[in-house]
Amino acid sequence: MDHANDEYEVVLRSRPGGPAILGAWSRPETADRRFMEWLGRYGTPGVVLTLTATVDGETYPVRRWTYDSGLQEFTAI
């Protein structure tokens, strides 16, 4: 199976629905590492951090973090 078009995106919002800073990578390891770096750097009350994977044209949630809910794992990458 060719995964050349797969994309892994990390989105950081200062509040739910607020403006976003995002990064997209073709390697899941890079996106996962960036998610954890951003969590360590920006993980404060109000922040919403998400990691999604787009594989074979379908987008899946992988991780989500909020101060109130902590880290939620949805799908392994």
C-alpha atoms as a PDB file:
ATOM      1  CA  MET A   1       0.000   0.000   0.000  1.00  0.00           C
ATOM      2  CA  ASP A   2       1.429   3.369  -1.049  1.00  0.00           C
ATOM      3  CA  HIS A   3       1.334   5.992   1.705  1.00  0.00           C
ATOM      4  CA  ALA A   4       3.084   8.765  -0.231  1.00  0.00           C
ATOM      5  CA  ASN A   5       0.088  11.090   0.150  1.00  0.00           C
ATOM      6  CA  ASP A   6      -0.521  10.454   3.855  1.00  0.00           C
ATOM      7  CA  GLU A   7      -0.431  13.571   6.018  1.00  0.00           C
ATOM      8  CA  TYR A   8      -0.149  14.082   9.756  1.00  0.00           C
ATOM      9  CA  GLU A   9      -1.280  17.462  11.069  1.00  0.00           C
ATOM     10  CA  VAL A  10      -0.812  19.103  14.459  1.00  0.00           C
ATOM     11  CA  VAL A  11      -3.087  22.047  15.286  1.00  0.00           C
ATOM     12  CA  LEU A  12      -2.593  24.366  18.259  1.00  0.00           C
ATOM     13  CA  ARG A  13      -5.363  26.745  19.329  1.00  0.00           C
ATOM     14  CA  SER A  14      -5.153  29.197  22.216  1.00  0.00           C
ATOM     15  CA  ARG A  15      -8.834  28.498  22.929  1.00  0.00           C
ATOM     16  CA  PRO A  16     -11.514  26.188  21.472  1.00  0.00           C
ATOM     17  CA  GLY A  17     -12.460  27.497  18.022  1.00  0.00           C
ATOM     18  CA  GLY A  18      -9.795  30.208  18.192  1.00  0.00           C
ATOM     19  CA  PRO A  19      -7.092  31.038  15.648  1.00  0.00           C
ATOM     20  CA  ALA A  20      -4.815  28.117  14.824  1.00  0.00           C
ATOM     21  CA  ILE A  21      -1.150  27.445  14.325  1.00  0.00           C
ATOM     22  CA  LEU A  22      -0.626  24.259  12.375  1.00  0.00           C
ATOM     23  CA  GLY A  23       2.025  22.042  10.919  1.00  0.00           C
ATOM     24  CA  ALA A  24       1.736  19.114   8.546  1.00  0.00           C
ATOM     25  CA  TRP A  25       4.220  16.303   7.986  1.00  0.00           C
ATOM     26  CA  SER A  26       4.440  13.191   5.824  1.00  0.00           C
ATOM     27  CA  ARG A  27       5.996  11.088   8.603  1.00  0.00           C
ATOM     28  CA  PRO A  28       3.920  10.105  11.644  1.00  0.00           C
ATOM     29  CA  GLU A  29       6.998  10.073  13.891  1.00  0.00           C
ATOM     30  CA  THR A  30       7.711  13.718  13.093  1.00  0.00           C
ATOM     31  CA  ALA A  31       4.122  14.802  13.784  1.00  0.00           C
ATOM     32  CA  ASP A  32       4.021  12.822  17.029  1.00  0.00           C
ATOM     33  CA  ARG A  33       7.294  14.359  18.201  1.00  0.00           C
ATOM     34  CA  ARG A  34       6.059  17.866  17.333  1.00  0.00           C
ATOM     35  CA  PHE A  35       2.765  17.249  19.164  1.00  0.00           C
ATOM     36  CA  MET A  36       4.676  16.344  22.328  1.00  0.00           C
ATOM     37  CA  GLU A  37       7.044  19.324  21.922  1.00  0.00           C
ATOM     38  CA  TRP A  38       4.126  21.728  21.521  1.00  0.00           C
ATOM     39  CA  LEU A  39       2.351  20.155  24.484  1.00  0.00           C
ATOM     40  CA  GLY A  40       5.413  20.706  26.663  1.00  0.00           C
ATOM     41  CA  ARG A  41       5.863  24.258  25.441  1.00  0.00           C
ATOM     42  CA  TYR A  42       2.269  25.528  25.152  1.00  0.00           C
ATOM     43  CA  GLY A  43       0.186  23.184  27.335  1.00  0.00           C
ATOM     44  CA  THR A  44      -1.618  25.749  29.490  1.00  0.00           C
ATOM     45  CA  PRO A  45      -5.279  26.350  30.426  1.00  0.00           C
ATOM     46  CA  GLY A  46      -7.386  27.183  27.372  1.00  0.00           C
ATOM     47  CA  VAL A  47      -5.067  25.557  24.830  1.00  0.00           C
ATOM     48  CA  VAL A  48      -6.427  22.863  22.503  1.00  0.00           C
ATOM     49  CA  LEU A  49      -3.856  20.669  20.761  1.00  0.00           C
ATOM     50  CA  THR A  50      -4.840  18.034  18.187  1.00  0.00           C
ATOM     51  CA  LEU A  51      -3.052  15.517  15.992  1.00  0.00           C
ATOM     52  CA  THR A  52      -4.870  14.039  13.003  1.00  0.00           C
ATOM     53  CA  ALA A  53      -3.832  11.541  10.346  1.00  0.00           C
ATOM     54  CA  THR A  54      -5.074  11.608   6.762  1.00  0.00           C
ATOM     55  CA  VAL A  55      -4.503   8.145   5.318  1.00  0.00           C
ATOM     56  CA  ASP A  56      -5.863   7.015   1.960  1.00  0.00           C
ATOM     57  CA  GLY A  57      -7.962  10.198   1.821  1.00  0.00           C
ATOM     58  CA  GLU A  58      -9.658   9.618   5.196  1.00  0.00           C
ATOM     59  CA  THR A  59      -8.907  11.851   8.205  1.00  0.00           C
ATOM     60  CA  TYR A  60      -8.744  10.301  11.665  1.00  0.00           C
ATOM     61  CA  PRO A  61      -8.195  11.870  15.087  1.00  0.00           C
ATOM     62  CA  VAL A  62      -5.050  10.518  16.731  1.00  0.00           C
ATOM     63  CA  ARG A  63      -4.559  12.629  19.879  1.00  0.00           C
ATOM     64  CA  ARG A  64      -6.189  15.584  21.564  1.00  0.00           C
ATOM     65  CA  TRP A  65      -5.083  17.528  24.616  1.00  0.00           C
ATOM     66  CA  THR A  66      -6.826  20.155  26.717  1.00  0.00           C
ATOM     67  CA  TYR A  67      -5.909  21.313  30.197  1.00  0.00           C
ATOM     68  CA  ASP A  68      -9.242  20.108  31.604  1.00  0.00           C
ATOM     69  CA  SER A  69      -9.393  16.706  29.851  1.00  0.00           C
ATOM     70  CA  GLY A  70      -5.709  15.894  29.580  1.00  0.00           C
ATOM     71  CA  LEU A  71      -4.370  13.692  26.807  1.00  0.00           C
ATOM     72  CA  GLN A  72      -6.885  11.634  24.844  1.00  0.00           C
ATOM     73  CA  GLU A  73      -5.654   8.887  22.498  1.00  0.00           C
ATOM     74  CA  PHE A  74      -7.905   7.872  19.604  1.00  0.00           C
ATOM     75  CA  THR A  75      -5.885   6.028  16.960  1.00  0.00           C
ATOM     76  CA  ALA A  76      -2.336   4.744  16.889  1.00  0.00           C
ATOM     77  CA  ILE A  77      -0.136   6.125  14.125  1.00  0.00           C
END
